[in-house]
């Protein structure tokens, strides 16, 4: 609950018209195990937020927020994955993925194929895809991201007509890491004979934020270099959310199957080893 309060506080301080104002949080004196979060009341329209206005505000949040210490992470835990301060984005994301994989393993039980894919993900794929973002003169700015931005967490305020986001799990991160959840939320559609070159055919939009939102977001926030690896980074970033879904819905086998397939896609394209990108974290 503290994480949700601190998320709302950070977003509200950055853009007051983009978030309800958080008031307080705590637990009941009569029942210490019952927690509450209190914020200003807003009446919302039914339906989707306007893609142009919403993505402009989202890009503005990402572009103009500054990490308080120049690092990646957050000052309190905001999700099941413990979020600590890290000097590089690669280090931060590696910690997040390692933590959610550990939680998923504990919840769902061991799996030989998952162990193999996890090693490939942590030791080969993440260094190969994320280190180029922060080498050869490139930098990643730690931007404040909502962290759980799907269509149910974004609505239009009836009073001022502005989009509002809420129910977040913030961290200072590479702005693109919110794209799989907020803009595309892509999942595997076919586990049959599919060319590894046709990325667009592997995924479908399951979130109501469709490709129109994606287009308008990047009209305001350009794709990071190397641009040609954006789609693969998109798959990589979506893993955090899909592994967390496997933890939350442990009775279903679908989520583990899906995220393992996505790791396999990346492992097939980036088999390694890459001496120039050795594992560091």
C-alpha atoms as a PDB file:
ATOM      1  CA  UNK A   1       0.000   0.000   0.000  1.00  0.00           C
ATOM      2  CA  UNK A   2       2.891   2.335   0.715  1.00  0.00           C
ATOM      3  CA  UNK A   3       4.174   1.620  -2.782  1.00  0.00           C
ATOM      4  CA  UNK A   4       0.884   2.660  -4.376  1.00  0.00           C
ATOM      5  CA  UNK A   5       0.795   5.832  -2.272  1.00  0.00           C
ATOM      6  CA  UNK A   6       4.377   6.767  -3.169  1.00  0.00           C
ATOM      7  CA  UNK A   7       3.676   6.018  -6.842  1.00  0.00           C
ATOM      8  CA  UNK A   8       0.643   8.308  -6.878  1.00  0.00           C
ATOM      9  CA  UNK A   9       2.596  10.949  -4.966  1.00  0.00           C
ATOM     10  CA  UNK A  10       5.465  10.913  -7.468  1.00  0.00           C
ATOM     11  CA  UNK A  11       3.175  11.091 -10.506  1.00  0.00           C
ATOM     12  CA  UNK A  12       0.974  13.781  -8.947  1.00  0.00           C
ATOM     13  CA  UNK A  13       3.996  15.924  -8.058  1.00  0.00           C
ATOM     14  CA  UNK A  14       5.270  15.597 -11.618  1.00  0.00           C
ATOM     15  CA  UNK A  15       1.897  16.139 -13.355  1.00  0.00           C
ATOM     16  CA  UNK A  16      -0.965  17.107 -11.017  1.00  0.00           C
ATOM     17  CA  UNK A  17      -3.621  16.851 -13.729  1.00  0.00           C
ATOM     18  CA  UNK A  18      -2.506  13.336 -14.750  1.00  0.00           C
ATOM     19  CA  UNK A  19      -3.205  11.597 -11.426  1.00  0.00           C
ATOM     20  CA  UNK A  20      -5.577  11.740  -8.460  1.00  0.00           C
ATOM     21  CA  UNK A  21      -4.022  13.502  -5.472  1.00  0.00           C
ATOM     22  CA  UNK A  22      -2.953  10.960  -2.836  1.00  0.00           C
ATOM     23  CA  UNK A  23      -3.987  11.863   0.707  1.00  0.00           C
ATOM     24  CA  UNK A  24      -2.819   9.115   3.055  1.00  0.00           C
ATOM     25  CA  UNK A  25      -2.441   5.386   3.589  1.00  0.00           C
ATOM     26  CA  UNK A  26      -2.317   3.063   6.563  1.00  0.00           C
ATOM     27  CA  UNK A  27      -4.084   0.245   8.367  1.00  0.00           C
ATOM     28  CA  UNK A  28      -7.108  -0.031  10.632  1.00  0.00           C
ATOM     29  CA  UNK A  29      -6.437   0.246  14.357  1.00  0.00           C
ATOM     30  CA  UNK A  30      -9.128  -2.363  14.987  1.00  0.00           C
ATOM     31  CA  UNK A  31      -7.704  -4.710  12.334  1.00  0.00           C
ATOM     32  CA  UNK A  32      -3.996  -4.131  11.622  1.00  0.00           C
ATOM     33  CA  UNK A  33      -4.125  -6.539   8.665  1.00  0.00           C
ATOM     34  CA  UNK A  34      -6.661  -4.364   6.818  1.00  0.00           C
ATOM     35  CA  UNK A  35      -5.009  -1.603   4.797  1.00  0.00           C
ATOM     36  CA  UNK A  36      -6.346   1.471   3.040  1.00  0.00           C
ATOM     37  CA  UNK A  37      -5.250   4.066   0.508  1.00  0.00           C
ATOM     38  CA  UNK A  38      -7.093   7.383   0.298  1.00  0.00           C
ATOM     39  CA  UNK A  39      -6.991   9.819  -2.633  1.00  0.00           C
ATOM     40  CA  UNK A  40      -9.231  12.489  -4.148  1.00  0.00           C
ATOM     41  CA  UNK A  41     -12.448  11.268  -5.769  1.00  0.00           C
ATOM     42  CA  UNK A  42     -12.833  11.519  -9.538  1.00  0.00           C
ATOM     43  CA  UNK A  43     -15.805  10.641 -11.707  1.00  0.00           C
ATOM     44  CA  UNK A  44     -14.701   9.046 -14.972  1.00  0.00           C
ATOM     45  CA  UNK A  45     -16.204   8.527 -18.399  1.00  0.00           C
ATOM     46  CA  UNK A  46     -16.727   4.981 -19.591  1.00  0.00           C
ATOM     47  CA  UNK A  47     -14.560   3.922 -22.490  1.00  0.00           C
ATOM     48  CA  UNK A  48     -11.001   4.455 -23.607  1.00  0.00           C
ATOM     49  CA  UNK A  49      -8.879   7.531 -23.079  1.00  0.00           C
ATOM     50  CA  UNK A  50      -8.167   9.677 -26.120  1.00  0.00           C
ATOM     51  CA  UNK A  51      -5.004   8.249 -27.738  1.00  0.00           C
ATOM     52  CA  UNK A  52      -3.507  11.607 -28.707  1.00  0.00           C
ATOM     53  CA  UNK A  53      -4.051  13.367 -25.376  1.00  0.00           C
ATOM     54  CA  UNK A  54      -3.206  10.344 -23.267  1.00  0.00           C
ATOM     55  CA  UNK A  55       0.026   9.414 -25.040  1.00  0.00           C
ATOM     56  CA  UNK A  56       1.147  13.051 -25.083  1.00  0.00           C
ATOM     57  CA  UNK A  57       0.737  13.225 -21.309  1.00  0.00           C
ATOM     58  CA  UNK A  58       2.459   9.871 -20.837  1.00  0.00           C
ATOM     59  CA  UNK A  59       5.406  10.859 -23.028  1.00  0.00           C
ATOM     60  CA  UNK A  60       5.624  14.179 -21.185  1.00  0.00           C
ATOM     61  CA  UNK A  61       5.803  12.328 -17.858  1.00  0.00           C
ATOM     62  CA  UNK A  62       8.590  10.105 -19.149  1.00  0.00           C
ATOM     63  CA  UNK A  63      10.496  12.931 -20.788  1.00  0.00           C
ATOM     64  CA  UNK A  64      10.427  15.475 -17.951  1.00  0.00           C
ATOM     65  CA  UNK A  65      10.757  13.437 -14.761  1.00  0.00           C
ATOM     66  CA  UNK A  66      14.180  13.124 -13.142  1.00  0.00           C
ATOM     67  CA  UNK A  67      15.393  10.403 -10.810  1.00  0.00           C
ATOM     68  CA  UNK A  68      16.179  11.965  -7.406  1.00  0.00           C
ATOM     69  CA  UNK A  69      19.637  10.380  -7.327  1.00  0.00           C
ATOM     70  CA  UNK A  70      20.224   9.765 -11.035  1.00  0.00           C
ATOM     71  CA  UNK A  71      19.743   6.015 -10.571  1.00  0.00           C
ATOM     72  CA  UNK A  72      17.213   3.401 -11.667  1.00  0.00           C
ATOM     73  CA  UNK A  73      14.675   1.916  -9.250  1.00  0.00           C
ATOM     74  CA  UNK A  74      12.474   3.427  -6.552  1.00  0.00           C
ATOM     75  CA  UNK A  75      12.819   4.357  -2.895  1.00  0.00           C
ATOM     76  CA  UNK A  76      10.164   1.877  -1.690  1.00  0.00           C
ATOM     77  CA  UNK A  77       9.057  -1.543  -2.881  1.00  0.00           C
ATOM     78  CA  UNK A  78       6.181  -1.101  -5.315  1.00  0.00           C
ATOM     79  CA  UNK A  79       5.595  -4.652  -6.575  1.00  0.00           C
ATOM     80  CA  UNK A  80       6.375  -8.267  -5.794  1.00  0.00           C
ATOM     81  CA  UNK A  81       9.730  -7.706  -7.397  1.00  0.00           C
ATOM     82  CA  UNK A  82      11.911  -5.855  -4.902  1.00  0.00           C
ATOM     83  CA  UNK A  83      13.059  -2.653  -6.514  1.00  0.00           C
ATOM     84  CA  UNK A  84      16.404  -1.262  -5.423  1.00  0.00           C
ATOM     85  CA  UNK A  85      18.533   1.556  -6.736  1.00  0.00           C
ATOM     86  CA  UNK A  86      20.873   0.593  -9.563  1.00  0.00           C
ATOM     87  CA  UNK A  87      23.520   2.530 -11.444  1.00  0.00           C
ATOM     88  CA  UNK A  88      22.535   1.181 -14.870  1.00  0.00           C
ATOM     89  CA  UNK A  89      19.284   0.181 -16.515  1.00  0.00           C
ATOM     90  CA  UNK A  90      20.697  -3.245 -17.359  1.00  0.00           C
ATOM     91  CA  UNK A  91      21.473  -3.863 -13.684  1.00  0.00           C
ATOM     92  CA  UNK A  92      18.016  -2.685 -12.588  1.00  0.00           C
ATOM     93  CA  UNK A  93      16.137  -4.799 -15.118  1.00  0.00           C
ATOM     94  CA  UNK A  94      18.281  -7.859 -14.414  1.00  0.00           C
ATOM     95  CA  UNK A  95      17.393  -7.602 -10.710  1.00  0.00           C
ATOM     96  CA  UNK A  96      13.693  -7.254 -11.532  1.00  0.00           C
ATOM     97  CA  UNK A  97      13.672 -10.276 -13.808  1.00  0.00           C
ATOM     98  CA  UNK A  98      15.729 -12.404 -11.420  1.00  0.00           C
ATOM     99  CA  UNK A  99      13.333 -11.573  -8.573  1.00  0.00           C
ATOM    100  CA  UNK A 100      10.126 -12.319 -10.493  1.00  0.00           C
ATOM    101  CA  UNK A 101      11.595 -15.560 -11.870  1.00  0.00           C
ATOM    102  CA  UNK A 102      12.472 -16.610  -8.311  1.00  0.00           C
ATOM    103  CA  UNK A 103       8.928 -15.849  -7.170  1.00  0.00           C
ATOM    104  CA  UNK A 104       7.442 -17.737 -10.117  1.00  0.00           C
ATOM    105  CA  UNK A 105       9.702 -20.739  -9.482  1.00  0.00           C
ATOM    106  CA  UNK A 106       8.691 -20.820  -5.807  1.00  0.00           C
ATOM    107  CA  UNK A 107       5.005 -20.512  -6.682  1.00  0.00           C
ATOM    108  CA  UNK A 108       4.843 -22.912  -9.641  1.00  0.00           C
ATOM    109  CA  UNK A 109       7.654 -25.340  -8.891  1.00  0.00           C
ATOM    110  CA  UNK A 110      10.887 -26.196 -10.729  1.00  0.00           C
ATOM    111  CA  UNK A 111      11.095 -26.862 -14.447  1.00  0.00           C
ATOM    112  CA  UNK A 112      14.187 -28.033 -16.328  1.00  0.00           C
ATOM    113  CA  UNK A 113      13.373 -26.096 -19.502  1.00  0.00           C
ATOM    114  CA  UNK A 114      12.629 -22.943 -17.516  1.00  0.00           C
ATOM    115  CA  UNK A 115      15.964 -23.241 -15.715  1.00  0.00           C
ATOM    116  CA  UNK A 116      17.765 -23.418 -19.056  1.00  0.00           C
ATOM    117  CA  UNK A 117      15.821 -20.509 -20.541  1.00  0.00           C
ATOM    118  CA  UNK A 118      16.262 -18.400 -17.400  1.00  0.00           C
ATOM    119  CA  UNK A 119      20.035 -18.808 -17.578  1.00  0.00           C
ATOM    120  CA  UNK A 120      19.986 -17.757 -21.228  1.00  0.00           C
ATOM    121  CA  UNK A 121      17.787 -14.775 -20.406  1.00  0.00           C
ATOM    122  CA  UNK A 122      19.916 -13.482 -17.536  1.00  0.00           C
ATOM    123  CA  UNK A 123      23.369 -14.273 -18.891  1.00  0.00           C
ATOM    124  CA  UNK A 124      22.985 -13.711 -22.641  1.00  0.00           C
ATOM    125  CA  UNK A 125      19.776 -11.997 -23.775  1.00  0.00           C
ATOM    126  CA  UNK A 126      19.537  -9.138 -21.273  1.00  0.00           C
ATOM    127  CA  UNK A 127      23.192  -8.065 -21.657  1.00  0.00           C
ATOM    128  CA  UNK A 128      22.931  -8.346 -25.443  1.00  0.00           C
ATOM    129  CA  UNK A 129      19.753  -6.241 -25.744  1.00  0.00           C
ATOM    130  CA  UNK A 130      20.167  -3.700 -22.940  1.00  0.00           C
ATOM    131  CA  UNK A 131      23.879  -2.942 -22.792  1.00  0.00           C
ATOM    132  CA  UNK A 132      23.892  -1.351 -26.275  1.00  0.00           C
ATOM    133  CA  UNK A 133      21.454   1.229 -24.881  1.00  0.00           C
ATOM    134  CA  UNK A 134      24.164   2.471 -22.526  1.00  0.00           C
ATOM    135  CA  UNK A 135      27.365   2.049 -24.565  1.00  0.00           C
ATOM    136  CA  UNK A 136      28.985   3.683 -27.588  1.00  0.00           C
ATOM    137  CA  UNK A 137      27.997   7.102 -26.300  1.00  0.00           C
ATOM    138  CA  UNK A 138      24.346   6.193 -25.704  1.00  0.00           C
ATOM    139  CA  UNK A 139      22.546   6.820 -22.427  1.00  0.00           C
ATOM    140  CA  UNK A 140      19.251   5.778 -20.871  1.00  0.00           C
ATOM    141  CA  UNK A 141      17.484   8.429 -18.827  1.00  0.00           C
ATOM    142  CA  UNK A 142      15.794   7.080 -15.660  1.00  0.00           C
ATOM    143  CA  UNK A 143      12.193   8.159 -16.317  1.00  0.00           C
ATOM    144  CA  UNK A 144       9.327   7.844 -13.887  1.00  0.00           C
ATOM    145  CA  UNK A 145       7.053   5.091 -15.215  1.00  0.00           C
ATOM    146  CA  UNK A 146       3.666   4.003 -13.877  1.00  0.00           C
ATOM    147  CA  UNK A 147       4.696   0.351 -13.886  1.00  0.00           C
ATOM    148  CA  UNK A 148       1.272  -1.285 -14.352  1.00  0.00           C
ATOM    149  CA  UNK A 149      -0.362   0.797 -17.039  1.00  0.00           C
ATOM    150  CA  UNK A 150      -3.143  -1.113 -18.766  1.00  0.00           C
ATOM    151  CA  UNK A 151      -6.462   0.289 -19.990  1.00  0.00           C
ATOM    152  CA  UNK A 152      -8.168  -0.360 -16.639  1.00  0.00           C
ATOM    153  CA  UNK A 153      -5.740   2.012 -14.921  1.00  0.00           C
ATOM    154  CA  UNK A 154      -6.346   4.987 -17.223  1.00  0.00           C
ATOM    155  CA  UNK A 155      -9.607   6.929 -17.525  1.00  0.00           C
ATOM    156  CA  UNK A 156     -10.873  10.345 -18.593  1.00  0.00           C
ATOM    157  CA  UNK A 157     -11.987  12.717 -15.832  1.00  0.00           C
ATOM    158  CA  UNK A 158     -15.514  14.056 -16.371  1.00  0.00           C
ATOM    159  CA  UNK A 159     -14.684  17.337 -14.620  1.00  0.00           C
ATOM    160  CA  UNK A 160     -11.622  18.504 -16.544  1.00  0.00           C
ATOM    161  CA  UNK A 161     -11.601  16.117 -19.510  1.00  0.00           C
ATOM    162  CA  UNK A 162      -8.036  15.078 -18.754  1.00  0.00           C
ATOM    163  CA  UNK A 163      -6.758  11.494 -18.730  1.00  0.00           C
ATOM    164  CA  UNK A 164      -5.839  10.188 -15.286  1.00  0.00           C
ATOM    165  CA  UNK A 165      -3.659   7.213 -14.392  1.00  0.00           C
ATOM    166  CA  UNK A 166      -3.786   5.362 -11.073  1.00  0.00           C
ATOM    167  CA  UNK A 167      -3.086   2.045  -9.279  1.00  0.00           C
ATOM    168  CA  UNK A 168       0.601   2.140 -10.217  1.00  0.00           C
ATOM    169  CA  UNK A 169       3.835   0.393  -9.277  1.00  0.00           C
ATOM    170  CA  UNK A 170       6.330   3.084 -10.139  1.00  0.00           C
ATOM    171  CA  UNK A 171      10.031   3.015 -10.717  1.00  0.00           C
ATOM    172  CA  UNK A 172      12.570   5.122 -12.532  1.00  0.00           C
ATOM    173  CA  UNK A 173      13.310   3.117 -15.650  1.00  0.00           C
ATOM    174  CA  UNK A 174      13.856   3.124 -19.402  1.00  0.00           C
ATOM    175  CA  UNK A 175      10.653   4.685 -20.736  1.00  0.00           C
ATOM    176  CA  UNK A 176      10.191   1.869 -23.266  1.00  0.00           C
ATOM    177  CA  UNK A 177       9.713  -0.701 -20.509  1.00  0.00           C
ATOM    178  CA  UNK A 178       6.171   0.579 -19.989  1.00  0.00           C
ATOM    179  CA  UNK A 179       5.307   0.191 -23.690  1.00  0.00           C
ATOM    180  CA  UNK A 180       4.568  -3.567 -23.639  1.00  0.00           C
ATOM    181  CA  UNK A 181       2.111  -3.086 -20.773  1.00  0.00           C
ATOM    182  CA  UNK A 182       0.648   0.303 -21.569  1.00  0.00           C
ATOM    183  CA  UNK A 183       0.627   0.472 -25.325  1.00  0.00           C
ATOM    184  CA  UNK A 184       0.827  -3.023 -26.746  1.00  0.00           C
ATOM    185  CA  UNK A 185       0.581  -5.656 -23.990  1.00  0.00           C
ATOM    186  CA  UNK A 186       1.466  -8.287 -26.550  1.00  0.00           C
ATOM    187  CA  UNK A 187       1.154 -12.019 -26.012  1.00  0.00           C
ATOM    188  CA  UNK A 188       1.975 -15.098 -28.039  1.00  0.00           C
ATOM    189  CA  UNK A 189      -0.749 -16.281 -30.391  1.00  0.00           C
ATOM    190  CA  UNK A 190       0.789 -19.262 -32.130  1.00  0.00           C
ATOM    191  CA  UNK A 191       3.239 -21.825 -30.849  1.00  0.00           C
ATOM    192  CA  UNK A 192       3.371 -23.604 -34.189  1.00  0.00           C
ATOM    193  CA  UNK A 193       5.635 -23.201 -37.229  1.00  0.00           C
ATOM    194  CA  UNK A 194       6.341 -19.470 -37.239  1.00  0.00           C
ATOM    195  CA  UNK A 195       9.228 -17.689 -38.911  1.00  0.00           C
ATOM    196  CA  UNK A 196      11.494 -16.067 -36.354  1.00  0.00           C
ATOM    197  CA  UNK A 197      11.751 -13.063 -38.690  1.00  0.00           C
ATOM    198  CA  UNK A 198       8.067 -12.161 -38.633  1.00  0.00           C
ATOM    199  CA  UNK A 199       7.762 -10.626 -35.182  1.00  0.00           C
ATOM    200  CA  UNK A 200       4.436  -9.019 -35.944  1.00  0.00           C
ATOM    201  CA  UNK A 201       2.789 -12.389 -36.513  1.00  0.00           C
ATOM    202  CA  UNK A 202       3.688 -13.758 -33.090  1.00  0.00           C
ATOM    203  CA  UNK A 203       1.705 -11.260 -31.089  1.00  0.00           C
ATOM    204  CA  UNK A 204      -1.739  -9.780 -30.800  1.00  0.00           C
ATOM    205  CA  UNK A 205      -3.111  -6.912 -28.753  1.00  0.00           C
ATOM    206  CA  UNK A 206      -4.886  -8.227 -25.637  1.00  0.00           C
ATOM    207  CA  UNK A 207      -4.979  -4.822 -24.020  1.00  0.00           C
ATOM    208  CA  UNK A 208      -7.421  -2.279 -25.456  1.00  0.00           C
ATOM    209  CA  UNK A 209      -4.488   0.065 -25.929  1.00  0.00           C
ATOM    210  CA  UNK A 210      -3.943  -0.756 -29.584  1.00  0.00           C
ATOM    211  CA  UNK A 211      -1.340   0.232 -32.120  1.00  0.00           C
ATOM    212  CA  UNK A 212      -2.861   3.683 -32.534  1.00  0.00           C
ATOM    213  CA  UNK A 213      -1.730   4.492 -28.987  1.00  0.00           C
ATOM    214  CA  UNK A 214       1.696   3.113 -29.777  1.00  0.00           C
ATOM    215  CA  UNK A 215       1.955   5.308 -32.881  1.00  0.00           C
ATOM    216  CA  UNK A 216       1.015   8.499 -31.047  1.00  0.00           C
ATOM    217  CA  UNK A 217       3.284   7.730 -28.100  1.00  0.00           C
ATOM    218  CA  UNK A 218       6.321   7.487 -30.352  1.00  0.00           C
ATOM    219  CA  UNK A 219       5.287  10.615 -32.196  1.00  0.00           C
ATOM    220  CA  UNK A 220       6.132  12.335 -28.893  1.00  0.00           C
ATOM    221  CA  UNK A 221       8.853   9.999 -27.598  1.00  0.00           C
ATOM    222  CA  UNK A 222      11.248   8.610 -30.219  1.00  0.00           C
ATOM    223  CA  UNK A 223      12.381   4.991 -30.118  1.00  0.00           C
ATOM    224  CA  UNK A 224      15.732   4.549 -28.388  1.00  0.00           C
ATOM    225  CA  UNK A 225      18.819   3.574 -30.370  1.00  0.00           C
ATOM    226  CA  UNK A 226      19.537   0.998 -31.602  1.00  0.00           C
ATOM    227  CA  UNK A 227      16.085   1.388 -33.175  1.00  0.00           C
ATOM    228  CA  UNK A 228      16.295  -1.887 -35.091  1.00  0.00           C
ATOM    229  CA  UNK A 229      16.206  -3.826 -31.805  1.00  0.00           C
ATOM    230  CA  UNK A 230      13.087  -2.130 -30.449  1.00  0.00           C
ATOM    231  CA  UNK A 231      10.760  -5.068 -31.188  1.00  0.00           C
ATOM    232  CA  UNK A 232      13.065  -7.475 -29.411  1.00  0.00           C
ATOM    233  CA  UNK A 233      13.347  -5.145 -26.428  1.00  0.00           C
ATOM    234  CA  UNK A 234       9.549  -5.000 -26.452  1.00  0.00           C
ATOM    235  CA  UNK A 235       9.375  -8.775 -26.073  1.00  0.00           C
ATOM    236  CA  UNK A 236      12.036  -8.636 -23.350  1.00  0.00           C
ATOM    237  CA  UNK A 237      10.238  -5.944 -21.367  1.00  0.00           C
ATOM    238  CA  UNK A 238       6.885  -7.736 -21.608  1.00  0.00           C
ATOM    239  CA  UNK A 239       8.412 -10.723 -19.808  1.00  0.00           C
ATOM    240  CA  UNK A 240       8.311  -8.960 -16.435  1.00  0.00           C
ATOM    241  CA  UNK A 241       4.542  -8.504 -16.655  1.00  0.00           C
ATOM    242  CA  UNK A 242       3.864 -11.978 -18.019  1.00  0.00           C
ATOM    243  CA  UNK A 243       6.031 -13.686 -15.403  1.00  0.00           C
ATOM    244  CA  UNK A 244       4.197 -11.706 -12.720  1.00  0.00           C
ATOM    245  CA  UNK A 245       0.910 -12.891 -14.256  1.00  0.00           C
ATOM    246  CA  UNK A 246       2.134 -16.473 -13.861  1.00  0.00           C
ATOM    247  CA  UNK A 247       2.725 -15.740 -10.176  1.00  0.00           C
ATOM    248  CA  UNK A 248      -0.673 -14.104  -9.700  1.00  0.00           C
ATOM    249  CA  UNK A 249      -2.620 -16.793 -11.606  1.00  0.00           C
ATOM    250  CA  UNK A 250      -0.646 -19.844 -10.561  1.00  0.00           C
ATOM    251  CA  UNK A 251      -3.584 -22.176 -11.183  1.00  0.00           C
ATOM    252  CA  UNK A 252      -3.266 -21.578 -14.930  1.00  0.00           C
ATOM    253  CA  UNK A 253      -0.520 -23.185 -17.012  1.00  0.00           C
ATOM    254  CA  UNK A 254      -0.975 -20.674 -19.826  1.00  0.00           C
ATOM    255  CA  UNK A 255       1.142 -17.852 -18.444  1.00  0.00           C
ATOM    256  CA  UNK A 256       4.255 -19.949 -17.817  1.00  0.00           C
ATOM    257  CA  UNK A 257       3.906 -21.505 -21.261  1.00  0.00           C
ATOM    258  CA  UNK A 258       3.580 -18.080 -22.882  1.00  0.00           C
ATOM    259  CA  UNK A 259       6.540 -16.372 -21.235  1.00  0.00           C
ATOM    260  CA  UNK A 260       8.757 -19.427 -21.757  1.00  0.00           C
ATOM    261  CA  UNK A 261       7.879 -19.323 -25.441  1.00  0.00           C
ATOM    262  CA  UNK A 262       8.788 -15.643 -25.596  1.00  0.00           C
ATOM    263  CA  UNK A 263      12.168 -16.327 -23.974  1.00  0.00           C
ATOM    264  CA  UNK A 264      12.709 -19.073 -26.546  1.00  0.00           C
ATOM    265  CA  UNK A 265      12.003 -16.591 -29.340  1.00  0.00           C
ATOM    266  CA  UNK A 266      14.735 -14.304 -28.035  1.00  0.00           C
ATOM    267  CA  UNK A 267      17.105 -17.200 -27.296  1.00  0.00           C
ATOM    268  CA  UNK A 268      16.733 -18.404 -30.889  1.00  0.00           C
ATOM    269  CA  UNK A 269      17.603 -14.962 -32.217  1.00  0.00           C
ATOM    270  CA  UNK A 270      20.347 -14.241 -29.661  1.00  0.00           C
ATOM    271  CA  UNK A 271      21.966 -17.616 -28.880  1.00  0.00           C
ATOM    272  CA  UNK A 272      25.302 -16.149 -27.828  1.00  0.00           C
ATOM    273  CA  UNK A 273      27.911 -16.262 -26.588  1.00  0.00           C
ATOM    274  CA  UNK A 274      28.738 -12.580 -27.005  1.00  0.00           C
ATOM    275  CA  UNK A 275      32.243 -11.903 -25.625  1.00  0.00           C
ATOM    276  CA  UNK A 276      31.630  -8.155 -25.945  1.00  0.00           C
ATOM    277  CA  UNK A 277      28.535  -8.419 -23.708  1.00  0.00           C
ATOM    278  CA  UNK A 278      29.528 -10.696 -20.800  1.00  0.00           C
ATOM    279  CA  UNK A 279      27.052 -11.013 -17.908  1.00  0.00           C
ATOM    280  CA  UNK A 280      27.747  -8.434 -15.207  1.00  0.00           C
ATOM    281  CA  UNK A 281      24.806  -8.716 -12.835  1.00  0.00           C
END
